[in-house]
């Protein structure tokens, strides 16, 4: 009984984390989000705040 429950929990956890990773990857690579991520990438190099347009 324990082995069956343990196997189910491990498989379910793996599926859950694979789906979460795929969702994060899709979100990061979605074309609509590119401008937001580009602005965040330039932020450490700018002198202004996050809302400044340069």
N, C-alpha and C. Protein backbone atom coordinates (compact mmCIF):
# COMPACT_ATOMS: atom_id res chain seq x y z
N UNK A 1 0.83 -1.20 0.00
CA UNK A 1 0.00 0.00 0.00
C UNK A 1 0.88 1.27 0.00
N UNK A 2 1.91 1.27 0.85
CA UNK A 2 2.77 2.44 0.93
C UNK A 2 3.51 2.67 -0.38
N UNK A 3 3.99 1.58 -0.99
CA UNK A 3 4.73 1.71 -2.24
C UNK A 3 3.85 2.28 -3.35
N UNK A 4 2.59 1.86 -3.39
CA UNK A 4 1.67 2.35 -4.41
C UNK A 4 1.38 3.84 -4.20
N UNK A 5 1.15 4.23 -2.97
CA UNK A 5 0.88 5.63 -2.66
C UNK A 5 2.10 6.50 -2.92
N UNK A 6 3.28 5.99 -2.57
CA UNK A 6 4.52 6.72 -2.81
C UNK A 6 4.77 6.90 -4.30
N UNK A 7 4.55 5.87 -5.07
CA UNK A 7 4.74 5.94 -6.52
C UNK A 7 3.76 6.93 -7.14
N UNK A 8 2.51 6.91 -6.70
CA UNK A 8 1.52 7.85 -7.20
C UNK A 8 1.90 9.28 -6.87
N UNK A 9 2.37 9.53 -5.65
CA UNK A 9 2.76 10.87 -5.24
C UNK A 9 3.97 11.36 -6.04
N UNK A 10 4.92 10.49 -6.29
CA UNK A 10 6.10 10.88 -7.06
C UNK A 10 5.74 11.19 -8.50
N UNK A 11 4.91 10.37 -9.09
CA UNK A 11 4.49 10.59 -10.47
C UNK A 11 3.64 11.86 -10.58
N UNK A 12 2.73 12.04 -9.65
CA UNK A 12 1.90 13.24 -9.66
C UNK A 12 2.72 14.50 -9.46
N UNK A 13 3.70 14.45 -8.58
CA UNK A 13 4.58 15.60 -8.37
C UNK A 13 5.40 15.91 -9.60
N UNK A 14 5.88 14.89 -10.26
CA UNK A 14 6.66 15.10 -11.48
C UNK A 14 5.81 15.75 -12.56
N UNK A 15 4.61 15.25 -12.75
CA UNK A 15 3.70 15.83 -13.75
C UNK A 15 3.39 17.27 -13.40
N UNK A 16 3.13 17.54 -12.13
CA UNK A 16 2.82 18.90 -11.67
C UNK A 16 3.98 19.85 -11.98
N UNK A 17 5.20 19.47 -11.64
CA UNK A 17 6.34 20.35 -11.86
C UNK A 17 6.68 20.51 -13.34
N UNK A 18 6.47 19.47 -14.14
CA UNK A 18 6.68 19.60 -15.59
C UNK A 18 5.68 20.59 -16.17
N UNK A 19 4.43 20.50 -15.74
CA UNK A 19 3.42 21.45 -16.23
C UNK A 19 3.72 22.88 -15.77
N UNK A 20 4.17 23.04 -14.54
CA UNK A 20 4.53 24.38 -14.05
C UNK A 20 5.71 24.94 -14.83
N UNK A 21 6.72 24.11 -15.11
CA UNK A 21 7.87 24.55 -15.89
C UNK A 21 7.47 24.94 -17.29
N UNK A 22 6.60 24.12 -17.91
CA UNK A 22 6.14 24.43 -19.26
C UNK A 22 5.36 25.74 -19.27
N UNK A 23 4.54 25.99 -18.24
CA UNK A 23 3.80 27.24 -18.16
C UNK A 23 4.72 28.44 -18.01
N UNK A 24 5.75 28.31 -17.17
CA UNK A 24 6.71 29.41 -16.99
C UNK A 24 7.49 29.66 -18.28
N UNK A 25 7.85 28.59 -18.98
CA UNK A 25 8.58 28.73 -20.24
C UNK A 25 7.72 29.40 -21.30
N UNK A 26 6.48 29.00 -21.40
CA UNK A 26 5.56 29.62 -22.37
C UNK A 26 5.38 31.10 -22.04
N UNK A 27 5.21 31.42 -20.76
CA UNK A 27 5.04 32.82 -20.34
C UNK A 27 6.29 33.64 -20.70
N UNK A 28 7.45 33.08 -20.45
CA UNK A 28 8.69 33.82 -20.71
C UNK A 28 8.95 34.02 -22.19
N UNK A 29 8.52 33.08 -23.02
CA UNK A 29 8.79 33.17 -24.45
C UNK A 29 7.63 33.72 -25.26
N UNK A 30 6.54 34.07 -24.61
CA UNK A 30 5.38 34.62 -25.33
C UNK A 30 5.76 35.96 -25.94
N UNK A 31 5.52 36.18 -27.24
CA UNK A 31 5.94 37.42 -27.92
C UNK A 31 5.39 38.69 -27.27
N UNK A 32 4.22 38.64 -26.70
CA UNK A 32 3.62 39.83 -26.09
C UNK A 32 4.44 40.32 -24.89
N UNK A 33 5.18 39.45 -24.22
CA UNK A 33 5.95 39.81 -23.03
C UNK A 33 7.37 40.26 -23.35
N UNK A 34 7.76 40.25 -24.61
CA UNK A 34 9.14 40.57 -24.96
C UNK A 34 9.54 41.98 -24.55
N UNK A 35 8.68 42.96 -24.78
CA UNK A 35 9.01 44.34 -24.44
C UNK A 35 9.22 44.50 -22.93
N UNK A 36 8.39 43.86 -22.16
CA UNK A 36 8.51 43.93 -20.69
C UNK A 36 9.84 43.33 -20.22
N UNK A 37 10.22 42.18 -20.77
CA UNK A 37 11.46 41.53 -20.37
C UNK A 37 12.68 42.30 -20.89
N UNK A 38 12.58 42.89 -22.07
CA UNK A 38 13.67 43.72 -22.58
C UNK A 38 13.90 44.93 -21.67
N UNK A 39 12.83 45.56 -21.22
CA UNK A 39 12.95 46.70 -20.31
C UNK A 39 13.56 46.26 -18.98
N UNK A 40 13.18 45.10 -18.49
CA UNK A 40 13.75 44.60 -17.24
C UNK A 40 15.23 44.26 -17.40
N UNK A 41 15.63 43.80 -18.59
CA UNK A 41 17.03 43.47 -18.83
C UNK A 41 17.90 44.73 -18.87
N UNK A 42 17.33 45.85 -19.34
CA UNK A 42 18.09 47.10 -19.41
C UNK A 42 18.09 47.86 -18.09
N UNK A 43 17.24 47.50 -17.17
CA UNK A 43 17.07 48.24 -15.92
C UNK A 43 18.36 48.37 -15.09
N UNK A 44 19.18 47.34 -14.91
CA UNK A 44 20.40 47.52 -14.11
C UNK A 44 21.40 48.51 -14.71
N UNK A 45 21.31 48.75 -16.00
CA UNK A 45 22.25 49.65 -16.66
C UNK A 45 21.77 51.09 -16.72
N UNK A 46 20.51 51.34 -16.34
CA UNK A 46 19.97 52.69 -16.43
C UNK A 46 20.16 53.44 -15.12
N UNK A 47 20.17 54.77 -15.22
CA UNK A 47 20.30 55.61 -14.04
C UNK A 47 18.97 55.91 -13.41
N UNK A 48 17.90 55.79 -14.16
CA UNK A 48 16.57 56.14 -13.68
C UNK A 48 15.87 54.98 -13.03
N UNK A 49 14.58 55.18 -12.82
CA UNK A 49 13.75 54.16 -12.22
C UNK A 49 13.16 53.22 -13.26
N UNK A 50 12.33 52.29 -12.82
CA UNK A 50 11.76 51.32 -13.75
C UNK A 50 10.76 51.90 -14.73
N UNK A 51 10.21 53.08 -14.45
CA UNK A 51 9.22 53.69 -15.33
C UNK A 51 9.82 54.65 -16.35
N UNK A 52 11.12 54.89 -16.28
CA UNK A 52 11.77 55.81 -17.22
C UNK A 52 11.88 55.17 -18.59
N UNK A 53 11.54 55.95 -19.62
CA UNK A 53 11.67 55.50 -21.00
C UNK A 53 12.92 56.13 -21.59
N UNK A 54 13.87 55.32 -22.06
CA UNK A 54 15.08 55.85 -22.67
C UNK A 54 15.23 55.33 -24.05
